[in-house]
Amino acid sequence: MEIFRIRLNSNDFQCFLPSDDAVWQKDTLKMNCHQKFAEWKPPEIYLQNPSAVRGNFFHLCSGALVIDQLATDRLRSILEWAGELLPLKHKGIPFYLLNVMECVNCLDNGATEWAIGKKTGAKIRISKYGFDKRRLSESTLFKIPETAAAEVLCVSGLKDPAVEFKAQVEANGFRGLLFEKLWSDQK
């Protein structure tokens, strides 16, 4: 089994930005495992790099994925298991912002290493991940409380590939994501 950080490849593929910067002050795009659907008002968005290649996944904000209609349709059950699909539109074309709400306390504190601030002694970021695989949930897309606002994770090799996010992204040839391996239970 392996756990990956999902990164949006905005260097090689198109990405979105909100048209109104006020969206950042309102926490509209703060994706930290809390439900948004009830009060969701889709922000107006634009393509920051329209001449780049169009993928199936787009960056808009930290801790979330924007997904085109094709990938949403093919991956819907996996996506809905992980959280809520918030509708977005760009020039009349539907997209969805995945707000991952599956926040799992599965970090193995004994095996995890942190970068520590020299002046404050505070934990700054995780430098080496350790996970307790017994604590993983049913969803193959998830977050951990320590980094919930900033990153989306996925597990591979836990279930049948037909229901795993990474395996299905690769099997369908969807583009716009990078999978950075953080941890493996294989020695």
N, C-alpha and C. Protein backbone atom coordinates (compact mmCIF):
# COMPACT_ATOMS: atom_id res chain seq x y z
N MET A 1 0.84 -1.17 0.00
CA MET A 1 0.00 0.00 0.00
C MET A 1 0.89 1.24 0.00
N GLU A 2 0.42 2.28 -0.71
CA GLU A 2 1.16 3.53 -0.79
C GLU A 2 0.19 4.70 -0.59
N ILE A 3 0.72 5.78 -0.04
CA ILE A 3 -0.06 7.01 0.12
C ILE A 3 0.65 8.12 -0.65
N PHE A 4 -0.15 8.87 -1.41
CA PHE A 4 0.36 9.93 -2.28
C PHE A 4 -0.26 11.27 -1.91
N ARG A 5 0.51 12.33 -2.10
CA ARG A 5 -0.02 13.69 -2.09
C ARG A 5 -0.42 13.99 -3.52
N ILE A 6 -1.61 14.54 -3.72
CA ILE A 6 -2.06 14.90 -5.05
C ILE A 6 -1.67 16.35 -5.30
N ARG A 7 -0.95 16.55 -6.38
CA ARG A 7 -0.56 17.90 -6.78
C ARG A 7 -1.20 18.20 -8.13
N LEU A 8 -1.66 19.42 -8.28
CA LEU A 8 -2.21 19.85 -9.56
C LEU A 8 -1.06 20.40 -10.41
N ASN A 9 -0.95 19.92 -11.62
CA ASN A 9 0.16 20.26 -12.49
C ASN A 9 -0.14 21.56 -13.25
N SER A 10 -0.09 22.67 -12.53
CA SER A 10 -0.42 23.96 -13.16
C SER A 10 0.74 24.54 -13.96
N ASN A 11 1.91 23.89 -13.94
CA ASN A 11 3.00 24.33 -14.81
C ASN A 11 2.77 23.90 -16.25
N ASP A 12 2.16 22.74 -16.44
CA ASP A 12 1.96 22.19 -17.77
C ASP A 12 0.52 22.25 -18.27
N PHE A 13 -0.43 22.47 -17.35
CA PHE A 13 -1.84 22.44 -17.71
C PHE A 13 -2.55 23.71 -17.23
N GLN A 14 -3.69 23.99 -17.83
CA GLN A 14 -4.46 25.17 -17.47
C GLN A 14 -4.86 25.14 -15.99
N CYS A 15 -5.00 26.32 -15.41
CA CYS A 15 -5.50 26.43 -14.04
C CYS A 15 -6.42 27.65 -13.94
N PHE A 16 -7.29 27.59 -12.95
CA PHE A 16 -8.25 28.67 -12.73
C PHE A 16 -7.81 29.57 -11.58
N LEU A 17 -8.29 30.79 -11.61
CA LEU A 17 -8.17 31.73 -10.50
C LEU A 17 -9.52 32.43 -10.36
N PRO A 18 -9.84 32.88 -9.13
CA PRO A 18 -11.09 33.64 -8.97
C PRO A 18 -10.95 35.02 -9.59
N SER A 19 -12.02 35.49 -10.21
CA SER A 19 -12.01 36.82 -10.82
C SER A 19 -11.99 37.92 -9.78
N ASP A 20 -12.55 37.66 -8.61
CA ASP A 20 -12.63 38.65 -7.53
C ASP A 20 -11.77 38.18 -6.35
N ASP A 21 -10.75 38.95 -6.02
CA ASP A 21 -9.86 38.59 -4.90
C ASP A 21 -10.56 38.60 -3.55
N ALA A 22 -11.72 39.23 -3.45
CA ALA A 22 -12.46 39.26 -2.18
C ALA A 22 -12.87 37.87 -1.73
N VAL A 23 -12.90 36.93 -2.65
CA VAL A 23 -13.25 35.54 -2.34
C VAL A 23 -12.31 34.98 -1.26
N TRP A 24 -11.05 35.44 -1.25
CA TRP A 24 -10.08 34.93 -0.27
C TRP A 24 -10.40 35.42 1.15
N GLN A 25 -10.94 36.64 1.29
CA GLN A 25 -11.29 37.15 2.61
C GLN A 25 -12.55 36.50 3.16
N LYS A 26 -13.40 35.98 2.31
CA LYS A 26 -14.67 35.39 2.73
C LYS A 26 -14.55 33.91 3.07
N ASP A 27 -13.38 33.32 2.91
CA ASP A 27 -13.16 31.88 3.15
C ASP A 27 -13.99 30.99 2.23
N THR A 28 -14.49 31.55 1.14
CA THR A 28 -15.27 30.76 0.19
C THR A 28 -14.48 29.57 -0.32
N LEU A 29 -13.19 29.76 -0.57
CA LEU A 29 -12.35 28.71 -1.14
C LEU A 29 -11.41 28.07 -0.10
N LYS A 30 -11.73 28.22 1.16
CA LYS A 30 -10.95 27.55 2.20
C LYS A 30 -11.52 26.14 2.38
N MET A 31 -10.78 25.16 1.91
CA MET A 31 -11.25 23.77 1.91
C MET A 31 -10.54 23.00 3.04
N ASN A 32 -11.16 22.98 4.21
CA ASN A 32 -10.53 22.38 5.39
C ASN A 32 -11.43 21.34 6.06
N CYS A 33 -12.07 20.52 5.26
CA CYS A 33 -12.90 19.40 5.74
C CYS A 33 -14.25 19.82 6.29
N HIS A 34 -14.66 21.04 6.03
CA HIS A 34 -15.98 21.49 6.49
C HIS A 34 -16.92 21.61 5.30
N GLN A 35 -18.16 21.26 5.53
CA GLN A 35 -19.17 21.29 4.48
C GLN A 35 -19.36 22.70 3.96
N LYS A 36 -19.52 22.83 2.66
CA LYS A 36 -19.70 24.12 1.99
C LYS A 36 -20.99 24.18 1.16
N PHE A 37 -21.54 23.02 0.81
CA PHE A 37 -22.61 22.94 -0.18
C PHE A 37 -23.82 23.82 0.16
N ALA A 38 -24.26 23.81 1.41
CA ALA A 38 -25.48 24.53 1.80
C ALA A 38 -25.41 26.02 1.48
N GLU A 39 -24.24 26.64 1.67
CA GLU A 39 -24.12 28.08 1.40
C GLU A 39 -23.28 28.39 0.17
N TRP A 40 -23.00 27.38 -0.66
CA TRP A 40 -22.12 27.54 -1.83
C TRP A 40 -22.70 28.49 -2.86
N LYS A 41 -21.93 29.50 -3.16
CA LYS A 41 -22.21 30.42 -4.26
C LYS A 41 -20.95 30.39 -5.12
N PRO A 42 -21.02 29.75 -6.29
CA PRO A 42 -19.81 29.59 -7.11
C PRO A 42 -19.17 30.93 -7.45
N PRO A 43 -17.88 31.06 -7.17
CA PRO A 43 -17.21 32.31 -7.57
C PRO A 43 -16.99 32.34 -9.08
N GLU A 44 -16.94 33.53 -9.61
CA GLU A 44 -16.59 33.67 -11.02
C GLU A 44 -15.10 33.33 -11.16
N ILE A 45 -14.76 32.54 -12.17
CA ILE A 45 -13.37 32.11 -12.36
C ILE A 45 -12.91 32.41 -13.78
N TYR A 46 -11.59 32.47 -13.94
CA TYR A 46 -11.01 32.65 -15.27
C TYR A 46 -9.78 31.75 -15.40
N LEU A 47 -9.41 31.44 -16.62
CA LEU A 47 -8.20 30.66 -16.87
C LEU A 47 -6.99 31.57 -16.77
N GLN A 48 -6.09 31.24 -15.88
CA GLN A 48 -4.89 32.06 -15.70
C GLN A 48 -3.92 31.88 -16.86
N ASN A 49 -3.87 30.68 -17.42
CA ASN A 49 -2.92 30.36 -18.50
C ASN A 49 -3.66 29.67 -19.66
N PRO A 50 -4.50 30.40 -20.39
CA PRO A 50 -5.36 29.78 -21.41
C PRO A 50 -4.62 29.10 -22.55
N SER A 51 -3.36 29.44 -22.80
CA SER A 51 -2.63 28.80 -23.90
C SER A 51 -1.99 27.48 -23.48
N ALA A 52 -2.04 27.15 -22.20
CA ALA A 52 -1.51 25.87 -21.73
C ALA A 52 -2.45 24.74 -22.14
N VAL A 53 -1.99 23.52 -22.01
CA VAL A 53 -2.78 22.34 -22.36
C VAL A 53 -3.95 22.20 -21.39
N ARG A 54 -5.11 21.83 -21.92
CA ARG A 54 -6.28 21.61 -21.07
C ARG A 54 -6.24 20.18 -20.53
N GLY A 55 -6.30 20.05 -19.23
CA GLY A 55 -6.36 18.74 -18.60
C GLY A 55 -7.78 18.45 -18.13
N ASN A 56 -7.90 17.42 -17.32
CA ASN A 56 -9.19 17.09 -16.70
C ASN A 56 -9.28 17.63 -15.28
N PHE A 57 -8.13 17.98 -14.72
CA PHE A 57 -8.04 18.53 -13.37
C PHE A 57 -7.35 19.88 -13.44
N PHE A 58 -7.86 20.83 -12.64
CA PHE A 58 -7.37 22.20 -12.66
C PHE A 58 -7.12 22.68 -11.24
N HIS A 59 -6.14 23.54 -11.08
CA HIS A 59 -5.90 24.17 -9.78
C HIS A 59 -6.80 25.40 -9.66
N LEU A 60 -7.32 25.63 -8.47
CA LEU A 60 -8.04 26.86 -8.14
C LEU A 60 -7.63 27.34 -6.76
N CYS A 61 -7.57 26.42 -5.80
CA CYS A 61 -7.22 26.78 -4.43
C CYS A 61 -6.56 25.58 -3.75
N SER A 62 -5.87 25.83 -2.65
CA SER A 62 -5.21 24.75 -1.92
C SER A 62 -6.24 23.81 -1.31
N GLY A 63 -5.87 22.55 -1.25
CA GLY A 63 -6.72 21.57 -0.58
C GLY A 63 -7.96 21.14 -1.33
N ALA A 64 -7.99 21.38 -2.65
CA ALA A 64 -9.17 21.01 -3.45
C ALA A 64 -8.74 20.72 -4.88
N LEU A 65 -9.63 20.08 -5.62
CA LEU A 65 -9.39 19.77 -7.03
C LEU A 65 -10.57 20.30 -7.84
N VAL A 66 -10.31 20.96 -8.96
CA VAL A 66 -11.37 21.30 -9.90
C VAL A 66 -11.32 20.23 -10.99
N ILE A 67 -12.50 19.70 -11.33
CA ILE A 67 -12.58 18.54 -12.21
C ILE A 67 -13.57 18.83 -13.34
N ASP A 68 -13.20 18.43 -14.54
CA ASP A 68 -14.11 18.64 -15.67
C ASP A 68 -15.26 17.64 -15.63
N GLN A 69 -16.22 17.83 -16.51
CA GLN A 69 -17.43 16.99 -16.51
C GLN A 69 -17.12 15.53 -16.81
N LEU A 70 -16.25 15.26 -17.78
CA LEU A 70 -15.93 13.88 -18.14
C LEU A 70 -15.34 13.11 -16.96
N ALA A 71 -14.32 13.67 -16.33
CA ALA A 71 -13.70 12.99 -15.19
C ALA A 71 -14.68 12.87 -14.02
N THR A 72 -15.49 13.90 -13.81
CA THR A 72 -16.50 13.83 -12.74
C THR A 72 -17.47 12.69 -12.99
N ASP A 73 -17.95 12.57 -14.23
CA ASP A 73 -18.89 11.50 -14.56
C ASP A 73 -18.28 10.12 -14.33
N ARG A 74 -17.05 9.93 -14.76
CA ARG A 74 -16.41 8.61 -14.66
C ARG A 74 -15.97 8.27 -13.24
N LEU A 75 -15.67 9.27 -12.43
CA LEU A 75 -15.14 9.05 -11.08
C LEU A 75 -16.15 9.41 -9.99
N ARG A 76 -17.38 9.70 -10.36
CA ARG A 76 -18.37 10.25 -9.43
C ARG A 76 -18.47 9.49 -8.11
N SER A 77 -18.58 8.18 -8.13
CA SER A 77 -18.76 7.44 -6.87
C SER A 77 -17.55 7.58 -5.96
N ILE A 78 -16.35 7.58 -6.53
CA ILE A 78 -15.13 7.76 -5.74
C ILE A 78 -15.09 9.17 -5.15
N LEU A 79 -15.44 10.16 -5.96
CA LEU A 79 -15.41 11.56 -5.53
C LEU A 79 -16.44 11.84 -4.45
N GLU A 80 -17.66 11.36 -4.65
CA GLU A 80 -18.72 11.60 -3.66
C GLU A 80 -18.46 10.88 -2.35
N TRP A 81 -17.74 9.77 -2.39
CA TRP A 81 -17.38 9.06 -1.17
C TRP A 81 -16.44 9.92 -0.32
N ALA A 82 -15.62 10.73 -0.98
CA ALA A 82 -14.61 11.55 -0.29
C ALA A 82 -15.15 12.89 0.20
N GLY A 83 -16.17 13.40 -0.43
CA GLY A 83 -16.63 14.73 -0.04
C GLY A 83 -17.80 15.20 -0.87
N GLU A 84 -17.82 16.50 -1.14
CA GLU A 84 -18.92 17.07 -1.90
C GLU A 84 -18.40 17.73 -3.18
N LEU A 85 -19.21 17.62 -4.22
CA LEU A 85 -18.89 18.23 -5.51
C LEU A 85 -19.62 19.56 -5.62
N LEU A 86 -18.87 20.64 -5.62
CA LEU A 86 -19.44 21.99 -5.67
C LEU A 86 -19.40 22.48 -7.12
N PRO A 87 -20.55 22.85 -7.67
CA PRO A 87 -20.58 23.25 -9.08
C PRO A 87 -19.87 24.57 -9.34
N LEU A 88 -19.18 24.61 -10.46
CA LEU A 88 -18.51 25.81 -10.98
C LEU A 88 -18.83 25.89 -12.47
N LYS A 89 -18.77 27.07 -13.02
CA LYS A 89 -18.91 27.22 -14.47
C LYS A 89 -17.86 28.20 -14.96
N HIS A 90 -17.36 27.89 -16.14
CA HIS A 90 -16.46 28.81 -16.83
C HIS A 90 -16.93 28.90 -18.27
N LYS A 91 -17.38 30.09 -18.67
CA LYS A 91 -17.91 30.32 -20.01
C LYS A 91 -19.01 29.32 -20.35
N GLY A 92 -19.87 29.04 -19.37
CA GLY A 92 -21.01 28.16 -19.57
C GLY A 92 -20.68 26.67 -19.50
N ILE A 93 -19.42 26.32 -19.34
CA ILE A 93 -19.00 24.91 -19.27
C ILE A 93 -18.96 24.49 -17.81
N PRO A 94 -19.61 23.35 -17.47
CA PRO A 94 -19.62 22.92 -16.07
C PRO A 94 -18.31 22.28 -15.62
N PHE A 95 -17.92 22.62 -14.40
CA PHE A 95 -16.80 22.02 -13.70
C PHE A 95 -17.26 21.78 -12.28
N TYR A 96 -16.47 21.04 -11.51
CA TYR A 96 -16.81 20.76 -10.11
C TYR A 96 -15.57 20.93 -9.25
N LEU A 97 -15.75 21.58 -8.13
CA LEU A 97 -14.71 21.71 -7.12
C LEU A 97 -14.94 20.62 -6.09
N LEU A 98 -13.99 19.71 -5.94
CA LEU A 98 -14.12 18.65 -4.95
C LEU A 98 -13.64 19.17 -3.61
N ASN A 99 -14.57 19.25 -2.67
CA ASN A 99 -14.27 19.61 -1.29
C ASN A 99 -14.16 18.29 -0.51
N VAL A 100 -12.93 17.83 -0.31
CA VAL A 100 -12.71 16.57 0.41
C VAL A 100 -13.01 16.80 1.88
N MET A 101 -13.96 16.05 2.40
CA MET A 101 -14.34 16.17 3.82
C MET A 101 -13.95 14.94 4.62
N GLU A 102 -13.40 13.93 3.96
CA GLU A 102 -12.93 12.72 4.64
C GLU A 102 -11.60 13.08 5.30
N CYS A 103 -11.66 13.46 6.57
CA CYS A 103 -10.48 13.90 7.32
C CYS A 103 -10.17 12.84 8.38
N VAL A 104 -9.06 12.12 8.17
CA VAL A 104 -8.77 10.92 8.94
C VAL A 104 -7.55 11.11 9.83
N ASN A 105 -7.68 10.77 11.09
CA ASN A 105 -6.58 10.83 12.04
C ASN A 105 -5.74 9.56 11.90
N CYS A 106 -4.94 9.50 10.85
CA CYS A 106 -4.18 8.28 10.56
C CYS A 106 -2.68 8.51 10.52
N LEU A 107 -2.23 9.69 10.91
CA LEU A 107 -0.80 9.95 10.97
C LEU A 107 -0.21 9.18 12.14
N ASP A 108 0.86 8.46 11.89
CA ASP A 108 1.58 7.73 12.94
C ASP A 108 2.60 8.69 13.52
N ASN A 109 2.29 9.25 14.68
CA ASN A 109 3.15 10.28 15.27
C ASN A 109 4.55 9.78 15.59
N GLY A 110 4.68 8.49 15.91
CA GLY A 110 6.00 7.94 16.21
C GLY A 110 6.89 7.82 14.99
N ALA A 111 6.30 7.67 13.82
CA ALA A 111 7.07 7.49 12.58
C ALA A 111 7.13 8.76 11.73
N THR A 112 6.41 9.79 12.14
CA THR A 112 6.38 11.04 11.38
C THR A 112 7.46 11.98 11.89
N GLU A 113 8.14 12.63 10.95
CA GLU A 113 9.18 13.60 11.32
C GLU A 113 8.75 14.98 10.86
N TRP A 114 9.00 15.96 11.70
CA TRP A 114 8.60 17.34 11.45
C TRP A 114 9.82 18.25 11.28
N ALA A 115 9.70 19.24 10.42
CA ALA A 115 10.65 20.34 10.39
C ALA A 115 10.24 21.27 11.52
N ILE A 116 11.19 21.63 12.36
CA ILE A 116 10.92 22.43 13.55
C ILE A 116 11.54 23.81 13.39
N GLY A 117 10.79 24.85 13.77
CA GLY A 117 11.29 26.21 13.70
C GLY A 117 12.42 26.43 14.69
N LYS A 118 13.52 27.02 14.24
CA LYS A 118 14.69 27.22 15.10
C LYS A 118 14.42 28.19 16.24
N LYS A 119 13.67 29.23 15.97
CA LYS A 119 13.40 30.25 16.99
C LYS A 119 12.25 29.84 17.92
N THR A 120 11.20 29.28 17.35
CA THR A 120 10.00 29.01 18.15
C THR A 120 9.91 27.57 18.66
N GLY A 121 10.60 26.66 17.98
CA GLY A 121 10.49 25.25 18.35
C GLY A 121 9.17 24.62 17.90
N ALA A 122 8.39 25.38 17.13
CA ALA A 122 7.08 24.91 16.67
C ALA A 122 7.24 24.02 15.43
N LYS A 123 6.30 23.11 15.26
CA LYS A 123 6.26 22.28 14.06
C LYS A 123 5.89 23.15 12.88
N ILE A 124 6.71 23.08 11.82
CA ILE A 124 6.48 23.91 10.64
C ILE A 124 5.78 23.12 9.55
N ARG A 125 6.32 21.96 9.23
CA ARG A 125 5.75 21.11 8.19
C ARG A 125 6.25 19.69 8.41
N ILE A 126 5.57 18.75 7.79
CA ILE A 126 5.98 17.35 7.89
C ILE A 126 7.11 17.11 6.90
N SER A 127 8.24 16.60 7.37
CA SER A 127 9.36 16.31 6.48
C SER A 127 9.40 14.83 6.09
N LYS A 128 8.82 13.96 6.92
CA LYS A 128 8.71 12.54 6.58
C LYS A 128 7.41 12.03 7.18
N TYR A 129 6.56 11.51 6.30
CA TYR A 129 5.25 11.02 6.72
C TYR A 129 5.34 9.58 7.22
N GLY A 130 4.56 9.31 8.24
CA GLY A 130 4.33 7.94 8.71
C GLY A 130 2.83 7.79 8.92
N PHE A 131 2.28 6.67 8.48
CA PHE A 131 0.84 6.45 8.59
C PHE A 131 0.55 5.15 9.32
N ASP A 132 -0.57 5.12 10.02
CA ASP A 132 -1.08 3.91 10.64
C ASP A 132 -2.19 3.41 9.72
N LYS A 133 -1.88 2.39 8.92
CA LYS A 133 -2.82 1.94 7.89
C LYS A 133 -4.11 1.37 8.47
N ARG A 134 -4.10 1.00 9.73
CA ARG A 134 -5.32 0.49 10.36
C ARG A 134 -6.35 1.60 10.55
N ARG A 135 -5.91 2.84 10.51
CA ARG A 135 -6.80 3.97 10.73
C ARG A 135 -7.38 4.57 9.45
N LEU A 136 -6.96 4.07 8.30
CA LEU A 136 -7.49 4.60 7.04
C LEU A 136 -8.97 4.30 6.92
N SER A 137 -9.66 5.17 6.20
CA SER A 137 -11.11 5.01 6.04
C SER A 137 -11.45 4.27 4.76
N GLU A 138 -12.71 4.23 4.43
CA GLU A 138 -13.17 3.57 3.22
C GLU A 138 -12.82 4.36 1.95
N SER A 139 -12.74 5.66 2.07
CA SER A 139 -12.45 6.50 0.91
C SER A 139 -10.97 6.42 0.55
N THR A 140 -10.66 6.36 -0.74
CA THR A 140 -9.26 6.36 -1.15
C THR A 140 -8.73 7.78 -1.35
N LEU A 141 -9.58 8.77 -1.26
CA LEU A 141 -9.21 10.19 -1.22
C LEU A 141 -9.48 10.68 0.18
N PHE A 142 -8.53 11.39 0.78
CA PHE A 142 -8.73 11.83 2.15
C PHE A 142 -7.78 12.98 2.49
N LYS A 143 -7.97 13.52 3.67
CA LYS A 143 -7.09 14.52 4.25
C LYS A 143 -6.72 14.07 5.65
N ILE A 144 -5.69 14.71 6.20
CA ILE A 144 -5.34 14.49 7.60
C ILE A 144 -5.49 15.83 8.31
N PRO A 145 -5.85 15.82 9.60
CA PRO A 145 -6.09 17.08 10.31
C PRO A 145 -4.90 18.04 10.27
N GLU A 146 -3.70 17.51 10.29
CA GLU A 146 -2.50 18.35 10.35
C GLU A 146 -2.28 19.20 9.11
N THR A 147 -2.79 18.78 7.97
CA THR A 147 -2.56 19.51 6.71
C THR A 147 -3.85 19.69 5.90
N ALA A 148 -4.99 19.60 6.56
CA ALA A 148 -6.29 19.56 5.87
C ALA A 148 -6.53 20.74 4.94
N ALA A 149 -6.10 21.93 5.29
CA ALA A 149 -6.38 23.09 4.46
C ALA A 149 -5.47 23.16 3.23
N ALA A 150 -4.40 22.38 3.23
CA ALA A 150 -3.40 22.53 2.18
C ALA A 150 -3.27 21.37 1.21
N GLU A 151 -3.60 20.15 1.63
CA GLU A 151 -3.32 19.03 0.73
C GLU A 151 -4.41 17.97 0.73
N VAL A 152 -4.49 17.29 -0.42
CA VAL A 152 -5.38 16.15 -0.59
C VAL A 152 -4.48 14.93 -0.79
N LEU A 153 -4.80 13.84 -0.11
CA LEU A 153 -4.02 12.61 -0.18
C LEU A 153 -4.85 11.51 -0.80
N CYS A 154 -4.19 10.47 -1.28
CA CYS A 154 -4.90 9.29 -1.74
C CYS A 154 -4.09 8.05 -1.42
N VAL A 155 -4.79 6.97 -1.24
CA VAL A 155 -4.16 5.69 -0.94
C VAL A 155 -4.32 4.79 -2.16
N SER A 156 -3.31 3.99 -2.42
CA SER A 156 -3.31 3.05 -3.54
C SER A 156 -2.86 1.69 -3.02
N GLY A 157 -3.51 0.62 -3.50
CA GLY A 157 -3.13 -0.72 -3.08
C GLY A 157 -3.89 -1.22 -1.88
N LEU A 158 -4.92 -0.49 -1.47
CA LEU A 158 -5.73 -0.89 -0.31
C LEU A 158 -6.99 -1.62 -0.76
N LYS A 159 -7.51 -1.25 -1.91
CA LYS A 159 -8.79 -1.79 -2.41
C LYS A 159 -8.61 -2.29 -3.85
N ASP A 160 -9.68 -2.72 -4.42
CA ASP A 160 -9.71 -3.08 -5.82
C ASP A 160 -9.41 -1.81 -6.64
N PRO A 161 -8.51 -1.88 -7.62
CA PRO A 161 -8.19 -0.70 -8.42
C PRO A 161 -9.41 -0.05 -9.08
N ALA A 162 -10.48 -0.80 -9.28
CA ALA A 162 -11.69 -0.24 -9.90
C ALA A 162 -12.35 0.82 -9.03
N VAL A 163 -12.03 0.86 -7.74
CA VAL A 163 -12.62 1.84 -6.83
C VAL A 163 -11.57 2.74 -6.18
N GLU A 164 -10.35 2.72 -6.70
CA GLU A 164 -9.30 3.58 -6.17
C GLU A 164 -9.07 4.78 -7.09
N PHE A 165 -8.97 5.95 -6.50
CA PHE A 165 -8.84 7.19 -7.26
C PHE A 165 -7.64 7.17 -8.20
N LYS A 166 -6.46 6.92 -7.68
CA LYS A 166 -5.24 6.97 -8.50
C LYS A 166 -5.32 5.98 -9.66
N ALA A 167 -5.72 4.77 -9.39
CA ALA A 167 -5.81 3.74 -10.43
C ALA A 167 -6.80 4.15 -11.52
N GLN A 168 -7.91 4.75 -11.15
CA GLN A 168 -8.91 5.15 -12.13
C GLN A 168 -8.50 6.38 -12.93
N VAL A 169 -7.79 7.31 -12.29
CA VAL A 169 -7.25 8.47 -13.03
C VAL A 169 -6.30 7.96 -14.12
N GLU A 170 -5.42 7.04 -13.75
CA GLU A 170 -4.45 6.50 -14.69
C GLU A 170 -5.12 5.64 -15.76
N ALA A 171 -6.06 4.79 -15.38
CA ALA A 171 -6.74 3.91 -16.33
C ALA A 171 -7.53 4.70 -17.38
N ASN A 172 -8.06 5.84 -16.98
CA ASN A 172 -8.85 6.68 -17.89
C ASN A 172 -7.99 7.68 -18.66
N GLY A 173 -6.71 7.76 -18.34
CA GLY A 173 -5.82 8.70 -19.03
C GLY A 173 -6.11 10.15 -18.72
N PHE A 174 -6.68 10.42 -17.53
CA PHE A 174 -6.98 11.79 -17.15
C PHE A 174 -5.68 12.55 -16.87
N ARG A 175 -5.70 13.85 -17.20
CA ARG A 175 -4.47 14.65 -17.12
C ARG A 175 -4.66 15.86 -16.20
N GLY A 176 -3.52 16.33 -15.69
CA GLY A 176 -3.51 17.53 -14.87
C GLY A 176 -3.09 17.29 -13.44
N LEU A 177 -2.86 16.02 -13.07
CA LEU A 177 -2.46 15.69 -11.69
C LEU A 177 -1.07 15.08 -11.66
N LEU A 178 -0.40 15.29 -10.54
CA LEU A 178 0.85 14.60 -10.22
C LEU A 178 0.63 13.88 -8.90
N PHE A 179 1.15 12.67 -8.78
CA PHE A 179 1.04 11.90 -7.55
C PHE A 179 2.43 11.79 -6.93
N GLU A 180 2.61 12.41 -5.78
CA GLU A 180 3.89 12.39 -5.08
C GLU A 180 3.82 11.37 -3.94
N LYS A 181 4.62 10.32 -4.05
CA LYS A 181 4.58 9.27 -3.03
C LYS A 181 5.14 9.80 -1.72
N LEU A 182 4.34 9.67 -0.65
CA LEU A 182 4.74 10.12 0.68
C LEU A 182 5.14 8.97 1.59
N TRP A 183 4.54 7.78 1.34
CA TRP A 183 4.71 6.69 2.29
C TRP A 183 4.34 5.37 1.62
N SER A 184 4.99 4.31 2.06
CA SER A 184 4.66 2.95 1.61
C SER A 184 4.82 2.01 2.78
N ASP A 185 3.97 0.99 2.84
CA ASP A 185 4.13 -0.01 3.91
C ASP A 185 5.09 -1.13 3.48
N GLN A 186 5.63 -1.00 2.26
CA GLN A 186 6.63 -1.96 1.78
C GLN A 186 8.02 -1.49 2.21
N LYS A 187 8.77 -2.36 2.74
CA LYS A 187 10.13 -1.99 3.20
C LYS A 187 11.15 -2.17 2.10
